PDB file of all heavy atoms in Angstrom:
ATOM      1  N   ILE A   1      75.893  54.355 115.710  1.00  0.00           N
ATOM      2  CA  ILE A   1      75.936  53.132 116.502  1.00  0.00           C
ATOM      3  C   ILE A   1      77.182  52.327 116.153  1.00  0.00           C
ATOM      4  O   ILE A   1      77.787  52.516 115.098  1.00  0.00           O
ATOM      5  CB  ILE A   1      74.674  52.257 116.288  1.00  0.00           C
ATOM      6  CG1 ILE A   1      74.509  51.837 114.845  1.00  0.00           C
ATOM      7  CG2 ILE A   1      73.447  52.979 116.783  1.00  0.00           C
ATOM      8  CD1 ILE A   1      73.372  50.872 114.616  1.00  0.00           C
ATOM      9  N   ALA A   2      77.554  51.439 117.055  1.00  0.00           N
ATOM     10  CA  ALA A   2      78.702  50.552 116.867  1.00  0.00           C
ATOM     11  C   ALA A   2      78.355  49.189 117.425  1.00  0.00           C
ATOM     12  O   ALA A   2      77.584  49.079 118.375  1.00  0.00           O
ATOM     13  CB  ALA A   2      79.924  51.117 117.568  1.00  0.00           C
ATOM     14  N   ALA A   3      78.938  48.164 116.825  1.00  0.00           N
ATOM     15  CA  ALA A   3      78.752  46.815 117.339  1.00  0.00           C
ATOM     16  C   ALA A   3      79.441  46.720 118.701  1.00  0.00           C
ATOM     17  O   ALA A   3      80.522  47.278 118.892  1.00  0.00           O
ATOM     18  CB  ALA A   3      79.340  45.795 116.369  1.00  0.00           C
ATOM     19  N   ARG A   4      78.787  46.016 119.667  1.00  0.00           N
ATOM     20  CA  ARG A   4      79.334  45.878 121.015  1.00  0.00           C
ATOM     21  C   ARG A   4      79.519  44.413 121.328  1.00  0.00           C
ATOM     22  O   ARG A   4      78.724  43.573 120.905  1.00  0.00           O
ATOM     23  CB  ARG A   4      78.382  46.480 122.038  1.00  0.00           C
ATOM     24  CG  ARG A   4      78.084  47.938 121.838  1.00  0.00           C
ATOM     25  CD  ARG A   4      77.042  48.396 122.833  1.00  0.00           C
ATOM     26  NE  ARG A   4      75.814  47.620 122.669  1.00  0.00           N
ATOM     27  CZ  ARG A   4      74.623  48.146 122.543  1.00  0.00           C
ATOM     28  NH1 ARG A   4      74.455  49.431 122.607  1.00  0.00           N
ATOM     29  NH2 ARG A   4      73.569  47.382 122.388  1.00  0.00           N
ATOM     30  N   GLY A   5      80.537  44.106 122.107  1.00  0.00           N
ATOM     31  CA  GLY A   5      80.732  42.742 122.600  1.00  0.00           C
ATOM     32  C   GLY A   5      80.698  41.721 121.490  1.00  0.00           C
ATOM     33  O   GLY A   5      81.413  41.830 120.487  1.00  0.00           O
ATOM     34  N   ALA A   6      79.848  40.718 121.623  1.00  0.00           N
ATOM     35  CA  ALA A   6      79.742  39.636 120.648  1.00  0.00           C
ATOM     36  C   ALA A   6      79.209  40.130 119.298  1.00  0.00           C
ATOM     37  O   ALA A   6      79.438  39.496 118.276  1.00  0.00           O
ATOM     38  CB  ALA A   6      78.837  38.530 121.182  1.00  0.00           C
ATOM     39  N   GLU A   7      78.540  41.275 119.295  1.00  0.00           N
ATOM     40  CA  GLU A   7      78.033  41.829 118.042  1.00  0.00           C
ATOM     41  C   GLU A   7      79.178  42.126 117.072  1.00  0.00           C
ATOM     42  O   GLU A   7      78.986  42.129 115.864  1.00  0.00           O
ATOM     43  CB  GLU A   7      77.257  43.120 118.288  1.00  0.00           C
ATOM     44  CG  GLU A   7      75.978  42.933 119.055  1.00  0.00           C
ATOM     45  CD  GLU A   7      75.341  44.262 119.440  1.00  0.00           C
ATOM     46  OE1 GLU A   7      76.033  45.284 119.491  1.00  0.00           O
ATOM     47  OE2 GLU A   7      74.136  44.256 119.709  1.00  0.00           O
ATOM     48  N   ARG A   8      80.374  42.374 117.609  1.00  0.00           N
ATOM     49  CA  ARG A   8      81.524  42.631 116.736  1.00  0.00           C
ATOM     50  C   ARG A   8      81.833  41.423 115.873  1.00  0.00           C
ATOM     51  O   ARG A   8      82.362  41.560 114.779  1.00  0.00           O
ATOM     52  CB  ARG A   8      82.751  43.036 117.553  1.00  0.00           C
ATOM     53  CG  ARG A   8      82.583  44.416 118.193  1.00  0.00           C
ATOM     54  CD  ARG A   8      83.780  44.776 119.001  1.00  0.00           C
ATOM     55  NE  ARG A   8      83.724  43.988 120.236  1.00  0.00           N
ATOM     56  CZ  ARG A   8      84.696  43.881 121.103  1.00  0.00           C
ATOM     57  NH1 ARG A   8      85.837  44.490 120.893  1.00  0.00           N
ATOM     58  NH2 ARG A   8      84.556  43.172 122.189  1.00  0.00           N
ATOM     59  N   GLU A   9      81.519  40.232 116.352  1.00  0.00           N
ATOM     60  CA  GLU A   9      81.765  39.009 115.595  1.00  0.00           C
ATOM     61  C   GLU A   9      80.578  38.648 114.700  1.00  0.00           C
ATOM     62  O   GLU A   9      80.757  38.303 113.544  1.00  0.00           O
ATOM     63  CB  GLU A   9      82.047  37.837 116.545  1.00  0.00           C
ATOM     64  CG  GLU A   9      83.322  37.997 117.343  1.00  0.00           C
ATOM     65  CD  GLU A   9      84.566  37.957 116.487  1.00  0.00           C
ATOM     66  OE1 GLU A   9      84.616  37.162 115.528  1.00  0.00           O
ATOM     67  OE2 GLU A   9      85.483  38.756 116.762  1.00  0.00           O
ATOM     68  N   VAL A  10      79.368  38.695 115.250  1.00  0.00           N
ATOM     69  CA  VAL A  10      78.193  38.239 114.521  1.00  0.00           C
ATOM     70  C   VAL A  10      77.429  39.361 113.815  1.00  0.00           C
ATOM     71  O   VAL A  10      76.614  39.110 112.942  1.00  0.00           O
ATOM     72  CB  VAL A  10      77.221  37.470 115.437  1.00  0.00           C
ATOM     73  CG1 VAL A  10      77.880  36.228 115.984  1.00  0.00           C
ATOM     74  CG2 VAL A  10      76.702  38.342 116.560  1.00  0.00           C
ATOM     75  N   GLY A  11      77.682  40.597 114.205  1.00  0.00           N
ATOM     76  CA  GLY A  11      77.001  41.736 113.617  1.00  0.00           C
ATOM     77  C   GLY A  11      75.888  42.262 114.496  1.00  0.00           C
ATOM     78  O   GLY A  11      75.279  41.530 115.259  1.00  0.00           O
ATOM     79  N   ARG A  12      75.646  43.551 114.408  1.00  0.00           N
ATOM     80  CA  ARG A  12      74.543  44.199 115.129  1.00  0.00           C
ATOM     81  C   ARG A  12      73.415  44.399 114.140  1.00  0.00           C
ATOM     82  O   ARG A  12      73.582  45.041 113.107  1.00  0.00           O
ATOM     83  CB  ARG A  12      75.003  45.528 115.690  1.00  0.00           C
ATOM     84  CG  ARG A  12      73.920  46.238 116.473  1.00  0.00           C
ATOM     85  CD  ARG A  12      74.451  47.416 117.212  1.00  0.00           C
ATOM     86  NE  ARG A  12      73.400  48.056 117.958  1.00  0.00           N
ATOM     87  CZ  ARG A  12      73.596  49.029 118.823  1.00  0.00           C
ATOM     88  NH1 ARG A  12      74.816  49.458 119.059  1.00  0.00           N
ATOM     89  NH2 ARG A  12      72.582  49.564 119.457  1.00  0.00           N
ATOM     90  N   LEU A  13      72.256  43.855 114.448  1.00  0.00           N
ATOM     91  CA  LEU A  13      71.143  43.862 113.522  1.00  0.00           C
ATOM     92  C   LEU A  13      70.394  45.180 113.565  1.00  0.00           C
ATOM     93  O   LEU A  13      69.969  45.647 114.625  1.00  0.00           O
ATOM     94  CB  LEU A  13      70.183  42.706 113.852  1.00  0.00           C
ATOM     95  CG  LEU A  13      69.112  42.382 112.833  1.00  0.00           C
ATOM     96  CD1 LEU A  13      69.716  42.056 111.470  1.00  0.00           C
ATOM     97  CD2 LEU A  13      68.291  41.214 113.321  1.00  0.00           C
ATOM     98  N   VAL A  14      70.228  45.787 112.385  1.00  0.00           N
ATOM     99  CA  VAL A  14      69.410  46.983 112.198  1.00  0.00           C
ATOM    100  C   VAL A  14      68.208  46.531 111.396  1.00  0.00           C
ATOM    101  O   VAL A  14      68.361  45.940 110.327  1.00  0.00           O
ATOM    102  CB  VAL A  14      70.188  48.076 111.445  1.00  0.00           C
ATOM    103  CG1 VAL A  14      69.292  49.273 111.172  1.00  0.00           C
ATOM    104  CG2 VAL A  14      71.432  48.496 112.212  1.00  0.00           C
ATOM    105  N   ILE A  15      67.008  46.785 111.924  1.00  0.00           N
ATOM    106  CA  ILE A  15      65.776  46.335 111.254  1.00  0.00           C
ATOM    107  C   ILE A  15      64.809  47.518 111.117  1.00  0.00           C
ATOM    108  O   ILE A  15      64.683  48.335 112.031  1.00  0.00           O
ATOM    109  CB  ILE A  15      65.071  45.245 112.080  1.00  0.00           C
ATOM    110  CG1 ILE A  15      65.988  44.047 112.296  1.00  0.00           C
ATOM    111  CG2 ILE A  15      63.776  44.808 111.416  1.00  0.00           C
ATOM    112  CD1 ILE A  15      65.415  43.022 113.254  1.00  0.00           C
ATOM    113  N   LEU A  16      64.136  47.567 109.990  1.00  0.00           N
ATOM    114  CA  LEU A  16      63.112  48.585 109.746  1.00  0.00           C
ATOM    115  C   LEU A  16      61.928  47.899 109.070  1.00  0.00           C
ATOM    116  O   LEU A  16      62.068  47.326 107.984  1.00  0.00           O
ATOM    117  CB  LEU A  16      63.665  49.691 108.840  1.00  0.00           C
ATOM    118  CG  LEU A  16      62.682  50.751 108.375  1.00  0.00           C
ATOM    119  CD1 LEU A  16      62.022  51.459 109.555  1.00  0.00           C
ATOM    120  CD2 LEU A  16      63.385  51.747 107.479  1.00  0.00           C
ATOM    121  N   THR A  17      60.764  47.934 109.722  1.00  0.00           N
ATOM    122  CA  THR A  17      59.559  47.335 109.183  1.00  0.00           C
ATOM    123  C   THR A  17      58.512  48.426 109.033  1.00  0.00           C
ATOM    124  O   THR A  17      57.935  48.876 110.027  1.00  0.00           O
ATOM    125  CB  THR A  17      59.026  46.215 110.115  1.00  0.00           C
ATOM    126  OG1 THR A  17      60.081  45.281 110.336  1.00  0.00           O
ATOM    127  CG2 THR A  17      57.839  45.525 109.492  1.00  0.00           C
ATOM    128  N   PRO A  18      58.293  48.881 107.806  1.00  0.00           N
ATOM    129  CA  PRO A  18      57.279  49.933 107.594  1.00  0.00           C
ATOM    130  C   PRO A  18      55.878  49.356 107.588  1.00  0.00           C
ATOM    131  O   PRO A  18      55.668  48.195 107.243  1.00  0.00           O
ATOM    132  CB  PRO A  18      57.637  50.490 106.218  1.00  0.00           C
ATOM    133  CG  PRO A  18      58.322  49.380 105.516  1.00  0.00           C
ATOM    134  CD  PRO A  18      59.004  48.551 106.579  1.00  0.00           C
ATOM    135  N   GLY A  19      54.927  50.184 107.978  1.00  0.00           N
ATOM    136  CA  GLY A  19      53.532  49.788 107.930  1.00  0.00           C
ATOM    137  C   GLY A  19      52.944  50.041 106.543  1.00  0.00           C
ATOM    138  O   GLY A  19      53.674  50.287 105.582  1.00  0.00           O
ATOM    139  N   HIS A  20      51.626  49.996 106.443  1.00  0.00           N
ATOM    140  CA  HIS A  20      50.960  50.194 105.163  1.00  0.00           C
ATOM    141  C   HIS A  20      50.901  51.674 104.801  1.00  0.00           C
ATOM    142  O   HIS A  20      50.711  52.536 105.670  1.00  0.00           O
ATOM    143  CB  HIS A  20      49.541  49.606 105.202  1.00  0.00           C
ATOM    144  CG  HIS A  20      49.574  48.125 105.208  1.00  0.00           C
ATOM    145  ND1 HIS A  20      49.526  47.394 106.364  1.00  0.00           N
ATOM    146  CD2 HIS A  20      49.676  47.250 104.182  1.00  0.00           C
ATOM    147  CE1 HIS A  20      49.583  46.109 106.053  1.00  0.00           C
ATOM    148  NE2 HIS A  20      49.678  45.991 104.754  1.00  0.00           N
ATOM    149  N   VAL A  21      51.055  51.921 103.505  1.00  0.00           N
ATOM    150  CA  VAL A  21      50.947  53.276 102.963  1.00  0.00           C
ATOM    151  C   VAL A  21      50.083  53.213 101.714  1.00  0.00           C
ATOM    152  O   VAL A  21      49.837  52.139 101.158  1.00  0.00           O
ATOM    153  CB  VAL A  21      52.352  53.856 102.593  1.00  0.00           C
ATOM    154  CG1 VAL A  21      53.234  53.954 103.816  1.00  0.00           C
ATOM    155  CG2 VAL A  21      53.039  53.039 101.514  1.00  0.00           C
ATOM    156  N   THR A  22      49.626  54.370 101.259  1.00  0.00           N
ATOM    157  CA  THR A  22      48.891  54.432 100.003  1.00  0.00           C
ATOM    158  C   THR A  22      49.902  54.515  98.874  1.00  0.00           C
ATOM    159  O   THR A  22      50.709  55.435  98.820  1.00  0.00           O
ATOM    160  CB  THR A  22      47.954  55.646  99.970  1.00  0.00           C
ATOM    161  OG1 THR A  22      47.079  55.564 101.104  1.00  0.00           O
ATOM    162  CG2 THR A  22      47.129  55.684  98.697  1.00  0.00           C
ATOM    163  N   LEU A  23      49.876  53.528  98.009  1.00  0.00           N
ATOM    164  CA  LEU A  23      50.811  53.464  96.879  1.00  0.00           C
ATOM    165  C   LEU A  23      50.356  54.433  95.789  1.00  0.00           C
ATOM    166  O   LEU A  23      49.206  54.883  95.788  1.00  0.00           O
ATOM    167  CB  LEU A  23      50.890  52.037  96.348  1.00  0.00           C
ATOM    168  CG  LEU A  23      51.370  50.988  97.354  1.00  0.00           C
ATOM    169  CD1 LEU A  23      51.263  49.591  96.751  1.00  0.00           C
ATOM    170  CD2 LEU A  23      52.803  51.276  97.778  1.00  0.00           C
ATOM    171  N   PRO A  24      51.230  54.755  94.826  1.00  0.00           N
ATOM    172  CA  PRO A  24      50.851  55.690  93.756  1.00  0.00           C
ATOM    173  C   PRO A  24      49.606  55.273  92.978  1.00  0.00           C
ATOM    174  O   PRO A  24      48.873  56.124  92.484  1.00  0.00           O
ATOM    175  CB  PRO A  24      52.089  55.685  92.839  1.00  0.00           C
ATOM    176  CG  PRO A  24      53.231  55.327  93.743  1.00  0.00           C
ATOM    177  CD  PRO A  24      52.645  54.383  94.751  1.00  0.00           C
ATOM    178  N   ASP A  25      49.323  53.974  92.901  1.00  0.00           N
ATOM    179  CA  ASP A  25      48.128  53.514  92.177  1.00  0.00           C
ATOM    180  C   ASP A  25      46.864  53.577  93.044  1.00  0.00           C
ATOM    181  O   ASP A  25      45.791  53.147  92.629  1.00  0.00           O
ATOM    182  CB  ASP A  25      48.320  52.110  91.622  1.00  0.00           C
ATOM    183  CG  ASP A  25      48.546  51.054  92.698  1.00  0.00           C
ATOM    184  OD1 ASP A  25      48.471  51.387  93.902  1.00  0.00           O
ATOM    185  OD2 ASP A  25      48.798  49.896  92.332  1.00  0.00           O
ATOM    186  N   GLY A  26      46.990  54.089  94.291  1.00  0.00           N
ATOM    187  CA  GLY A  26      45.853  54.246  95.175  1.00  0.00           C
ATOM    188  C   GLY A  26      45.589  53.052  96.084  1.00  0.00           C
ATOM    189  O   GLY A  26      44.735  53.118  96.954  1.00  0.00           O
TER     190      GLY A  26
END
């Protein structure tokens, strides 16, 4: 991906929101 238009000035936001998982402690 590349920043486009105004994103070149302010940045293009990449977001990742994971859901719930079982942690090593259960």
